[in-house]
């Protein structure tokens, strides 16, 4: 018991000894003062101001160039789900549209030749609307995008094989 009390007393004494060299909070901290250079009211002796060598950046042109070759979103057979691989393309278009609210896109939905006319028109519309929804979720105004369906009427590739059909299942993003 005596040893425990003795150890606690030593611990308290050590803590108090460490606090003795601490900075006191009620004393003001030293402040460095520097003389202020006088300003002249006349510009007779003024030196010319050097021009900035920083180039002006046209963000709109950069964003337009970034999407120049990214205008098609492809879909799986009988699907209107936007694939993850097109997330970057849609994000780039969203940045461009958010940068300039005067720009607008026409989203043209297409299908392959399989299926009836009405079914393909509806599927093309759902594909275009899926891309439109992806854009609006990224902050694009709904008034900047218009979803339109052409169904199977405007094929990108001719032929009746999977390679041609895969190219025709798409949404094209066109400037209005």
N, C-alpha and C. Protein backbone atom coordinates (compact mmCIF):
# COMPACT_ATOMS: atom_id res chain seq x y z
N UNK A 1 0.82 -1.18 0.00
CA UNK A 1 0.00 0.00 0.00
C UNK A 1 0.87 1.25 0.00
N UNK A 2 1.94 1.22 0.85
CA UNK A 2 2.83 2.37 0.92
C UNK A 2 3.56 2.57 -0.41
N UNK A 3 3.91 1.49 -1.05
CA UNK A 3 4.64 1.57 -2.32
C UNK A 3 3.74 2.18 -3.40
N UNK A 4 2.49 1.82 -3.42
CA UNK A 4 1.56 2.36 -4.40
C UNK A 4 1.38 3.86 -4.18
N UNK A 5 1.23 4.25 -2.91
CA UNK A 5 1.05 5.68 -2.61
C UNK A 5 2.33 6.44 -2.99
N UNK A 6 3.48 5.85 -2.70
CA UNK A 6 4.76 6.49 -3.01
C UNK A 6 4.91 6.65 -4.54
N UNK A 7 4.53 5.63 -5.32
CA UNK A 7 4.62 5.67 -6.78
C UNK A 7 3.69 6.74 -7.34
N UNK A 8 2.49 6.85 -6.80
CA UNK A 8 1.56 7.87 -7.26
C UNK A 8 2.07 9.27 -6.94
N UNK A 9 2.69 9.44 -5.80
CA UNK A 9 3.24 10.74 -5.42
C UNK A 9 4.36 11.13 -6.37
N UNK A 10 5.24 10.18 -6.69
CA UNK A 10 6.31 10.45 -7.64
C UNK A 10 5.77 10.79 -9.03
N UNK A 11 4.75 10.10 -9.45
CA UNK A 11 4.14 10.34 -10.76
C UNK A 11 3.53 11.74 -10.81
N UNK A 12 2.83 12.14 -9.76
CA UNK A 12 2.23 13.47 -9.70
C UNK A 12 3.31 14.54 -9.69
N UNK A 13 4.41 14.32 -8.94
CA UNK A 13 5.50 15.29 -8.88
C UNK A 13 6.16 15.44 -10.24
N UNK A 14 6.32 14.34 -10.97
CA UNK A 14 6.93 14.40 -12.29
C UNK A 14 6.04 15.16 -13.26
N UNK A 15 4.75 14.96 -13.16
CA UNK A 15 3.81 15.67 -14.04
C UNK A 15 3.83 17.15 -13.76
N UNK A 16 3.87 17.52 -12.50
CA UNK A 16 3.90 18.94 -12.15
C UNK A 16 5.23 19.57 -12.56
N UNK A 17 6.30 18.84 -12.47
CA UNK A 17 7.61 19.37 -12.86
C UNK A 17 7.64 19.63 -14.36
N UNK A 18 7.00 18.77 -15.15
CA UNK A 18 6.94 18.96 -16.60
C UNK A 18 6.09 20.16 -16.98
N UNK A 19 5.12 20.49 -16.19
CA UNK A 19 4.22 21.62 -16.48
C UNK A 19 4.87 22.95 -16.15
N UNK A 20 5.92 22.97 -15.34
CA UNK A 20 6.54 24.22 -14.93
C UNK A 20 7.18 24.97 -16.08
N UNK A 21 7.61 24.27 -17.14
CA UNK A 21 8.29 24.94 -18.24
C UNK A 21 7.34 25.24 -19.40
N UNK A 22 6.07 25.02 -19.23
CA UNK A 22 5.10 25.24 -20.31
C UNK A 22 4.86 26.74 -20.50
N UNK A 23 4.37 27.12 -21.66
CA UNK A 23 4.04 28.50 -21.98
C UNK A 23 2.78 28.88 -21.22
N UNK A 24 2.80 30.03 -20.63
CA UNK A 24 1.64 30.49 -19.88
C UNK A 24 0.65 31.11 -20.86
N UNK A 25 -0.59 30.79 -20.71
CA UNK A 25 -1.61 31.23 -21.64
C UNK A 25 -2.03 32.67 -21.44
N UNK A 26 -1.81 33.23 -20.25
CA UNK A 26 -2.27 34.59 -20.02
C UNK A 26 -1.23 35.63 -20.44
N UNK A 27 -0.06 35.21 -20.89
CA UNK A 27 0.95 36.15 -21.39
C UNK A 27 0.78 36.31 -22.89
N UNK A 28 0.90 37.56 -23.41
CA UNK A 28 0.75 37.75 -24.85
C UNK A 28 1.94 37.17 -25.61
N UNK A 29 1.65 36.64 -26.79
CA UNK A 29 2.70 36.08 -27.63
C UNK A 29 3.45 37.21 -28.31
N UNK A 30 4.75 37.06 -28.57
CA UNK A 30 5.50 38.12 -29.24
C UNK A 30 5.01 38.27 -30.69
N UNK A 31 4.89 39.52 -31.14
CA UNK A 31 4.42 39.82 -32.49
C UNK A 31 5.51 40.57 -33.22
N UNK A 32 5.80 40.17 -34.43
CA UNK A 32 6.81 40.84 -35.24
C UNK A 32 6.14 41.96 -36.01
N UNK A 33 6.71 43.14 -35.97
CA UNK A 33 6.16 44.26 -36.74
C UNK A 33 7.14 44.59 -37.85
N UNK A 34 6.60 44.87 -39.01
CA UNK A 34 7.41 45.22 -40.17
C UNK A 34 6.93 46.57 -40.69
N UNK A 35 7.85 47.37 -41.17
CA UNK A 35 7.42 48.66 -41.72
C UNK A 35 6.70 48.45 -43.05
N UNK A 36 5.69 49.28 -43.28
CA UNK A 36 4.92 49.21 -44.51
C UNK A 36 5.52 50.18 -45.50
N UNK A 37 5.72 49.73 -46.75
CA UNK A 37 6.27 50.59 -47.78
C UNK A 37 5.26 51.67 -48.13
N UNK A 38 5.70 52.91 -48.24
CA UNK A 38 4.76 53.98 -48.57
C UNK A 38 4.27 53.84 -50.00
N UNK A 39 3.01 54.20 -50.21
CA UNK A 39 2.43 54.17 -51.55
C UNK A 39 2.44 55.57 -52.11
N UNK A 40 2.64 55.67 -53.42
CA UNK A 40 2.64 56.97 -54.07
C UNK A 40 1.29 57.21 -54.70
N UNK A 41 0.85 58.45 -54.63
CA UNK A 41 -0.46 58.77 -55.19
C UNK A 41 -0.36 59.15 -56.65
N UNK A 42 0.80 59.60 -57.12
CA UNK A 42 0.93 59.91 -58.53
C UNK A 42 1.66 58.78 -59.23
N UNK A 43 1.36 58.62 -60.49
CA UNK A 43 1.93 57.50 -61.26
C UNK A 43 3.08 57.95 -62.15
N UNK A 44 3.73 59.04 -61.82
CA UNK A 44 4.82 59.51 -62.67
C UNK A 44 6.03 58.61 -62.60
N UNK A 45 6.27 58.00 -61.45
CA UNK A 45 7.43 57.12 -61.28
C UNK A 45 7.04 55.65 -61.27
N UNK A 46 5.82 55.35 -61.66
CA UNK A 46 5.34 53.96 -61.59
C UNK A 46 6.02 53.12 -62.65
N UNK A 47 6.36 51.92 -62.29
CA UNK A 47 6.97 50.96 -63.20
C UNK A 47 5.86 50.28 -64.01
N UNK A 48 6.09 49.93 -65.26
CA UNK A 48 5.08 49.20 -66.02
C UNK A 48 4.87 47.81 -65.44
N UNK A 49 3.64 47.37 -65.46
CA UNK A 49 3.30 46.06 -64.93
C UNK A 49 3.56 45.02 -66.00
N UNK A 50 4.28 43.99 -65.63
CA UNK A 50 4.58 42.92 -66.59
C UNK A 50 3.33 42.10 -66.86
N UNK A 51 3.16 41.71 -68.12
CA UNK A 51 2.00 40.90 -68.48
C UNK A 51 2.20 39.47 -68.01
N UNK A 52 1.11 38.84 -67.68
CA UNK A 52 1.16 37.46 -67.24
C UNK A 52 1.47 36.56 -68.42
N UNK A 53 2.27 35.54 -68.19
CA UNK A 53 2.60 34.60 -69.26
C UNK A 53 1.75 33.35 -69.19
N UNK A 54 0.69 33.41 -68.37
CA UNK A 54 -0.20 32.27 -68.25
C UNK A 54 -1.18 32.31 -69.42
N UNK A 55 -1.28 31.22 -70.13
CA UNK A 55 -2.17 31.16 -71.28
C UNK A 55 -3.62 31.00 -70.83
N UNK A 56 -4.52 31.63 -71.55
CA UNK A 56 -5.94 31.51 -71.26
C UNK A 56 -6.41 30.13 -71.71
N UNK A 57 -7.20 29.51 -70.88
CA UNK A 57 -7.69 28.17 -71.17
C UNK A 57 -9.15 28.27 -71.60
N UNK A 58 -9.46 27.70 -72.75
CA UNK A 58 -10.84 27.65 -73.22
C UNK A 58 -11.39 26.27 -72.84
N UNK A 59 -12.05 26.21 -71.69
CA UNK A 59 -12.55 24.95 -71.18
C UNK A 59 -13.58 24.34 -72.12
N UNK A 60 -14.41 25.17 -72.71
CA UNK A 60 -15.43 24.67 -73.64
C UNK A 60 -14.81 23.94 -74.82
N UNK A 61 -13.75 24.51 -75.38
CA UNK A 61 -13.08 23.88 -76.52
C UNK A 61 -12.41 22.57 -76.10
N UNK A 62 -11.83 22.55 -74.90
CA UNK A 62 -11.21 21.32 -74.42
C UNK A 62 -12.25 20.22 -74.21
N UNK A 63 -13.38 20.58 -73.63
CA UNK A 63 -14.42 19.58 -73.40
C UNK A 63 -15.04 19.09 -74.71
N UNK A 64 -15.17 19.99 -75.67
CA UNK A 64 -15.69 19.59 -76.99
C UNK A 64 -14.72 18.65 -77.68
N UNK A 65 -13.44 18.95 -77.59
CA UNK A 65 -12.44 18.07 -78.19
C UNK A 65 -12.41 16.71 -77.50
N UNK A 66 -12.67 16.70 -76.20
CA UNK A 66 -12.64 15.43 -75.45
C UNK A 66 -13.75 14.49 -75.89
N UNK A 67 -14.87 15.02 -76.36
CA UNK A 67 -15.99 14.16 -76.75
C UNK A 67 -16.13 14.03 -78.26
N UNK A 68 -15.22 14.60 -79.01
CA UNK A 68 -15.34 14.61 -80.47
C UNK A 68 -15.49 13.20 -81.05
N UNK A 69 -14.74 12.24 -80.53
CA UNK A 69 -14.79 10.88 -81.06
C UNK A 69 -15.58 9.94 -80.17
N UNK A 70 -16.29 10.49 -79.20
CA UNK A 70 -17.08 9.67 -78.28
C UNK A 70 -18.54 10.05 -78.42
N UNK A 71 -19.19 9.46 -79.38
CA UNK A 71 -20.57 9.85 -79.68
C UNK A 71 -21.55 8.68 -79.73
N UNK A 72 -21.10 7.47 -79.41
CA UNK A 72 -21.98 6.31 -79.54
C UNK A 72 -21.91 5.46 -78.27
N UNK A 73 -23.09 5.10 -77.75
CA UNK A 73 -23.21 4.18 -76.63
C UNK A 73 -23.86 2.91 -77.18
N UNK A 74 -23.19 1.77 -77.03
CA UNK A 74 -23.71 0.50 -77.55
C UNK A 74 -24.42 -0.27 -76.44
N UNK A 75 -25.38 -1.10 -76.84
CA UNK A 75 -26.20 -1.86 -75.90
C UNK A 75 -26.18 -3.34 -76.24
N UNK A 76 -26.51 -4.16 -75.24
CA UNK A 76 -26.66 -5.58 -75.45
C UNK A 76 -28.00 -5.85 -76.13
N UNK A 77 -28.15 -7.08 -76.64
CA UNK A 77 -29.39 -7.47 -77.30
C UNK A 77 -30.57 -7.35 -76.35
N UNK A 78 -31.64 -6.72 -76.82
CA UNK A 78 -32.90 -6.60 -76.10
C UNK A 78 -32.72 -5.94 -74.73
N UNK A 79 -31.80 -4.95 -74.65
CA UNK A 79 -31.50 -4.30 -73.37
C UNK A 79 -31.43 -2.80 -73.58
N UNK A 80 -31.78 -2.07 -72.54
CA UNK A 80 -31.60 -0.62 -72.54
C UNK A 80 -30.84 -0.16 -71.30
N UNK A 81 -30.03 -1.07 -70.76
CA UNK A 81 -29.18 -0.75 -69.62
C UNK A 81 -27.84 -0.21 -70.13
N UNK A 82 -27.46 0.97 -69.64
CA UNK A 82 -26.19 1.57 -70.05
C UNK A 82 -25.06 0.83 -69.35
N UNK A 83 -24.11 0.33 -70.14
CA UNK A 83 -23.00 -0.44 -69.60
C UNK A 83 -22.00 0.48 -68.88
N UNK A 84 -21.31 -0.09 -67.90
CA UNK A 84 -20.31 0.66 -67.14
C UNK A 84 -19.18 1.18 -68.01
N UNK A 85 -18.88 0.51 -69.10
CA UNK A 85 -17.78 0.93 -69.96
C UNK A 85 -18.04 2.27 -70.63
N UNK A 86 -19.29 2.74 -70.64
CA UNK A 86 -19.64 4.02 -71.25
C UNK A 86 -19.79 5.13 -70.22
N UNK A 87 -19.45 4.84 -68.97
CA UNK A 87 -19.56 5.84 -67.91
C UNK A 87 -18.67 7.06 -68.20
N UNK A 88 -17.45 6.84 -68.66
CA UNK A 88 -16.53 7.94 -68.98
C UNK A 88 -17.05 8.81 -70.11
N UNK A 89 -17.62 8.18 -71.14
CA UNK A 89 -18.18 8.91 -72.27
C UNK A 89 -19.33 9.80 -71.81
N UNK A 90 -20.22 9.25 -71.02
CA UNK A 90 -21.38 10.01 -70.54
C UNK A 90 -20.92 11.11 -69.59
N UNK A 91 -19.93 10.82 -68.76
CA UNK A 91 -19.41 11.83 -67.84
C UNK A 91 -18.78 12.99 -68.61
N UNK A 92 -18.05 12.70 -69.68
CA UNK A 92 -17.42 13.75 -70.48
C UNK A 92 -18.49 14.64 -71.13
N UNK A 93 -19.55 14.03 -71.64
CA UNK A 93 -20.64 14.82 -72.24
C UNK A 93 -21.35 15.64 -71.17
N UNK A 94 -21.53 15.08 -69.99
CA UNK A 94 -22.19 15.82 -68.90
C UNK A 94 -21.35 17.03 -68.50
N UNK A 95 -20.04 16.87 -68.41
CA UNK A 95 -19.18 18.01 -68.07
C UNK A 95 -19.30 19.10 -69.12
N UNK A 96 -19.35 18.70 -70.38
CA UNK A 96 -19.46 19.68 -71.47
C UNK A 96 -20.80 20.42 -71.39
N UNK A 97 -21.87 19.69 -71.17
CA UNK A 97 -23.19 20.32 -71.09
C UNK A 97 -23.34 21.18 -69.84
N UNK A 98 -22.75 20.76 -68.74
CA UNK A 98 -22.80 21.55 -67.51
C UNK A 98 -21.95 22.81 -67.62
N UNK A 99 -20.89 22.76 -68.41
CA UNK A 99 -20.04 23.93 -68.60
C UNK A 99 -20.75 25.01 -69.42
N UNK A 100 -21.54 24.61 -70.39
CA UNK A 100 -22.25 25.57 -71.26
C UNK A 100 -23.71 25.14 -71.34
N UNK A 101 -24.55 25.82 -70.59
CA UNK A 101 -25.97 25.47 -70.50
C UNK A 101 -26.74 25.76 -71.78
N UNK A 102 -26.10 26.42 -72.76
CA UNK A 102 -26.77 26.69 -74.04
C UNK A 102 -26.68 25.49 -74.99
N UNK A 103 -25.74 24.59 -74.70
CA UNK A 103 -25.58 23.41 -75.56
C UNK A 103 -26.71 22.42 -75.30
N UNK A 104 -27.03 21.65 -76.33
CA UNK A 104 -28.06 20.62 -76.21
C UNK A 104 -27.68 19.43 -77.07
N UNK A 105 -28.16 18.26 -76.67
CA UNK A 105 -27.89 17.02 -77.41
C UNK A 105 -29.19 16.36 -77.84
N UNK A 106 -29.15 15.75 -78.99
CA UNK A 106 -30.21 14.86 -79.43
C UNK A 106 -29.69 13.45 -79.23
N UNK A 107 -30.42 12.66 -78.47
CA UNK A 107 -30.03 11.28 -78.19
C UNK A 107 -30.87 10.37 -79.07
N UNK A 108 -30.25 9.80 -80.09
CA UNK A 108 -30.96 9.01 -81.09
C UNK A 108 -30.80 7.53 -80.78
N UNK A 109 -31.90 6.89 -80.38
CA UNK A 109 -31.89 5.48 -80.06
C UNK A 109 -32.12 4.61 -81.28
N UNK A 110 -31.35 3.52 -81.39
CA UNK A 110 -31.43 2.63 -82.55
C UNK A 110 -31.44 1.17 -82.06
N UNK A 111 -31.93 0.30 -82.91
CA UNK A 111 -31.96 -1.14 -82.63
C UNK A 111 -31.44 -1.89 -83.85
N UNK A 112 -31.25 -3.21 -83.68
CA UNK A 112 -30.90 -4.02 -84.85
C UNK A 112 -32.19 -4.38 -85.58
N UNK A 113 -32.07 -5.14 -86.64
CA UNK A 113 -33.22 -5.42 -87.51
C UNK A 113 -34.19 -6.45 -86.95
N UNK A 114 -33.81 -7.14 -85.90
CA UNK A 114 -34.69 -8.17 -85.34
C UNK A 114 -35.81 -7.51 -84.54
N UNK A 115 -36.98 -8.08 -84.60
CA UNK A 115 -38.13 -7.54 -83.86
C UNK A 115 -39.02 -6.71 -84.76
N UNK A 116 -40.22 -6.47 -84.28
CA UNK A 116 -41.19 -5.69 -85.05
C UNK A 116 -40.90 -4.20 -84.98
N UNK A 117 -41.57 -3.46 -85.86
CA UNK A 117 -41.34 -2.02 -85.97
C UNK A 117 -41.68 -1.30 -84.66
N UNK A 118 -42.84 -1.56 -84.11
CA UNK A 118 -43.28 -0.87 -82.88
C UNK A 118 -42.38 -1.23 -81.70
N UNK A 119 -42.02 -2.51 -81.60
CA UNK A 119 -41.16 -2.96 -80.52
C UNK A 119 -39.81 -2.26 -80.59
N UNK A 120 -39.22 -2.19 -81.78
CA UNK A 120 -37.92 -1.57 -81.94
C UNK A 120 -37.96 -0.07 -81.70
N UNK A 121 -39.06 0.58 -82.10
CA UNK A 121 -39.19 2.01 -81.79
C UNK A 121 -39.24 2.24 -80.28
N UNK A 122 -39.98 1.39 -79.58
CA UNK A 122 -40.06 1.51 -78.12
C UNK A 122 -38.72 1.22 -77.46
N UNK A 123 -38.00 0.20 -77.93
CA UNK A 123 -36.70 -0.14 -77.37
C UNK A 123 -35.68 0.96 -77.64
N UNK A 124 -35.70 1.52 -78.84
CA UNK A 124 -34.80 2.64 -79.16
C UNK A 124 -35.07 3.85 -78.27
N UNK A 125 -36.35 4.10 -77.98
CA UNK A 125 -36.72 5.21 -77.11
C UNK A 125 -36.22 4.97 -75.68
N UNK A 126 -36.39 3.73 -75.19
CA UNK A 126 -35.92 3.41 -73.84
C UNK A 126 -34.40 3.55 -73.74
N UNK A 127 -33.69 3.19 -74.79
CA UNK A 127 -32.23 3.34 -74.79
C UNK A 127 -31.84 4.81 -74.74
N UNK A 128 -32.50 5.62 -75.56
CA UNK A 128 -32.20 7.06 -75.57
C UNK A 128 -32.54 7.68 -74.21
N UNK A 129 -33.65 7.27 -73.62
CA UNK A 129 -34.04 7.80 -72.31
C UNK A 129 -33.10 7.34 -71.20
N UNK A 130 -32.53 6.15 -71.34
CA UNK A 130 -31.56 5.67 -70.34
C UNK A 130 -30.30 6.54 -70.36
N UNK A 131 -29.85 6.92 -71.54
CA UNK A 131 -28.68 7.80 -71.64
C UNK A 131 -29.05 9.19 -71.12
N UNK A 132 -30.25 9.66 -71.44
CA UNK A 132 -30.70 10.97 -70.94
C UNK A 132 -30.74 10.99 -69.42
N UNK A 133 -31.24 9.91 -68.84
CA UNK A 133 -31.31 9.84 -67.37
C UNK A 133 -29.90 9.83 -66.77
N UNK A 134 -28.98 9.12 -67.39
CA UNK A 134 -27.60 9.11 -66.91
C UNK A 134 -27.01 10.52 -66.92
N UNK A 135 -27.30 11.28 -67.97
CA UNK A 135 -26.80 12.65 -68.06
C UNK A 135 -27.43 13.55 -67.00
N UNK A 136 -28.74 13.43 -66.81
CA UNK A 136 -29.41 14.28 -65.83
C UNK A 136 -28.97 13.94 -64.41
N UNK A 137 -28.64 12.69 -64.14
CA UNK A 137 -28.12 12.32 -62.83
C UNK A 137 -26.75 12.96 -62.57
N UNK A 138 -26.07 13.35 -63.62
CA UNK A 138 -24.78 14.02 -63.50
C UNK A 138 -24.92 15.54 -63.53
N UNK A 139 -26.15 16.04 -63.41
CA UNK A 139 -26.37 17.47 -63.28
C UNK A 139 -26.81 18.19 -64.54
N UNK A 140 -26.95 17.50 -65.65
CA UNK A 140 -27.38 18.14 -66.89
C UNK A 140 -28.88 18.46 -66.79
N UNK A 141 -29.26 19.64 -67.27
CA UNK A 141 -30.67 20.00 -67.28
C UNK A 141 -31.42 19.11 -68.28
N UNK A 142 -32.61 18.71 -67.92
CA UNK A 142 -33.41 17.85 -68.80
C UNK A 142 -33.73 18.56 -70.11
N UNK A 143 -33.77 19.88 -70.09
CA UNK A 143 -34.06 20.64 -71.32
C UNK A 143 -32.89 20.61 -72.30
N UNK A 144 -31.73 20.15 -71.86
CA UNK A 144 -30.57 20.09 -72.75
C UNK A 144 -30.47 18.78 -73.52
N UNK A 145 -31.29 17.81 -73.20
CA UNK A 145 -31.25 16.52 -73.89
C UNK A 145 -32.63 16.16 -74.41
N UNK A 146 -32.65 15.58 -75.60
CA UNK A 146 -33.89 15.14 -76.20
C UNK A 146 -33.71 13.70 -76.68
N UNK A 147 -34.54 12.81 -76.17
CA UNK A 147 -34.48 11.40 -76.54
C UNK A 147 -35.41 11.14 -77.72
N UNK A 148 -34.86 10.55 -78.77
CA UNK A 148 -35.61 10.26 -79.99
C UNK A 148 -35.29 8.82 -80.40
N UNK A 149 -36.26 8.11 -80.94
CA UNK A 149 -36.03 6.74 -81.40
C UNK A 149 -36.21 6.63 -82.90
N UNK A 150 -35.29 5.90 -83.52
CA UNK A 150 -35.41 5.57 -84.93
C UNK A 150 -35.60 4.07 -85.13
N UNK A 151 -35.59 3.32 -84.04
CA UNK A 151 -35.79 1.88 -84.16
C UNK A 151 -34.75 1.26 -85.05
N UNK A 152 -35.23 0.45 -86.01
CA UNK A 152 -34.30 -0.22 -86.94
C UNK A 152 -34.19 0.51 -88.27
N UNK A 153 -34.74 1.71 -88.37
CA UNK A 153 -34.81 2.43 -89.65
C UNK A 153 -33.49 3.00 -90.15
N UNK A 154 -32.54 3.25 -89.28
CA UNK A 154 -31.26 3.84 -89.69
C UNK A 154 -30.09 2.99 -89.19
N UNK A 155 -29.82 1.86 -89.83
CA UNK A 155 -28.74 0.99 -89.35
C UNK A 155 -27.36 1.62 -89.59
N UNK A 156 -26.46 1.39 -88.66
CA UNK A 156 -25.07 1.86 -88.81
C UNK A 156 -24.27 0.88 -89.65
N UNK A 157 -24.66 -0.39 -89.61
CA UNK A 157 -23.97 -1.43 -90.38
C UNK A 157 -25.02 -2.31 -91.05
N UNK A 158 -24.73 -2.70 -92.28
CA UNK A 158 -25.64 -3.60 -92.99
C UNK A 158 -25.17 -5.03 -92.77
N UNK A 159 -26.08 -5.93 -92.87
CA UNK A 159 -25.75 -7.34 -92.67
C UNK A 159 -26.68 -7.96 -91.66
N UNK A 160 -26.71 -9.28 -91.68
CA UNK A 160 -27.58 -10.02 -90.76
C UNK A 160 -26.75 -10.98 -89.91
N UNK A 161 -25.69 -10.43 -89.32
CA UNK A 161 -24.87 -11.23 -88.43
C UNK A 161 -24.65 -10.44 -87.13
N UNK A 162 -24.09 -11.11 -86.14
CA UNK A 162 -23.94 -10.48 -84.81
C UNK A 162 -23.08 -9.23 -84.85
N UNK A 163 -22.06 -9.20 -85.70
CA UNK A 163 -21.18 -8.03 -85.78
C UNK A 163 -21.97 -6.80 -86.24
N UNK A 164 -22.81 -6.96 -87.24
CA UNK A 164 -23.62 -5.85 -87.73
C UNK A 164 -24.69 -5.47 -86.70
N UNK A 165 -25.32 -6.45 -86.11
CA UNK A 165 -26.36 -6.17 -85.13
C UNK A 165 -25.81 -5.42 -83.92
N UNK A 166 -24.60 -5.80 -83.49
CA UNK A 166 -23.99 -5.14 -82.32
C UNK A 166 -23.74 -3.66 -82.58
N UNK A 167 -23.37 -3.30 -83.81
CA UNK A 167 -23.14 -1.89 -84.15
C UNK A 167 -24.44 -1.11 -84.25
N UNK A 168 -25.54 -1.80 -84.52
CA UNK A 168 -26.83 -1.12 -84.69
C UNK A 168 -27.56 -0.90 -83.37
N UNK A 169 -27.23 -1.63 -82.34
CA UNK A 169 -27.86 -1.46 -81.03
C UNK A 169 -27.14 -0.32 -80.30
N UNK A 170 -27.61 0.91 -80.51
CA UNK A 170 -26.83 2.07 -80.05
C UNK A 170 -27.71 3.28 -79.77
N UNK A 171 -27.08 4.25 -79.09
CA UNK A 171 -27.61 5.60 -78.97
C UNK A 171 -26.51 6.53 -79.46
N UNK A 172 -26.87 7.39 -80.41
CA UNK A 172 -25.92 8.38 -80.91
C UNK A 172 -26.18 9.71 -80.22
N UNK A 173 -25.14 10.35 -79.74
CA UNK A 173 -25.24 11.65 -79.08
C UNK A 173 -24.84 12.71 -80.10
N UNK A 174 -25.81 13.48 -80.55
CA UNK A 174 -25.57 14.49 -81.59
C UNK A 174 -25.90 15.88 -81.06
N UNK A 175 -25.04 16.83 -81.41
CA UNK A 175 -25.30 18.22 -81.04
C UNK A 175 -26.52 18.76 -81.79
N UNK A 176 -27.31 19.55 -81.09
CA UNK A 176 -28.48 20.17 -81.74
C UNK A 176 -28.10 21.52 -82.28
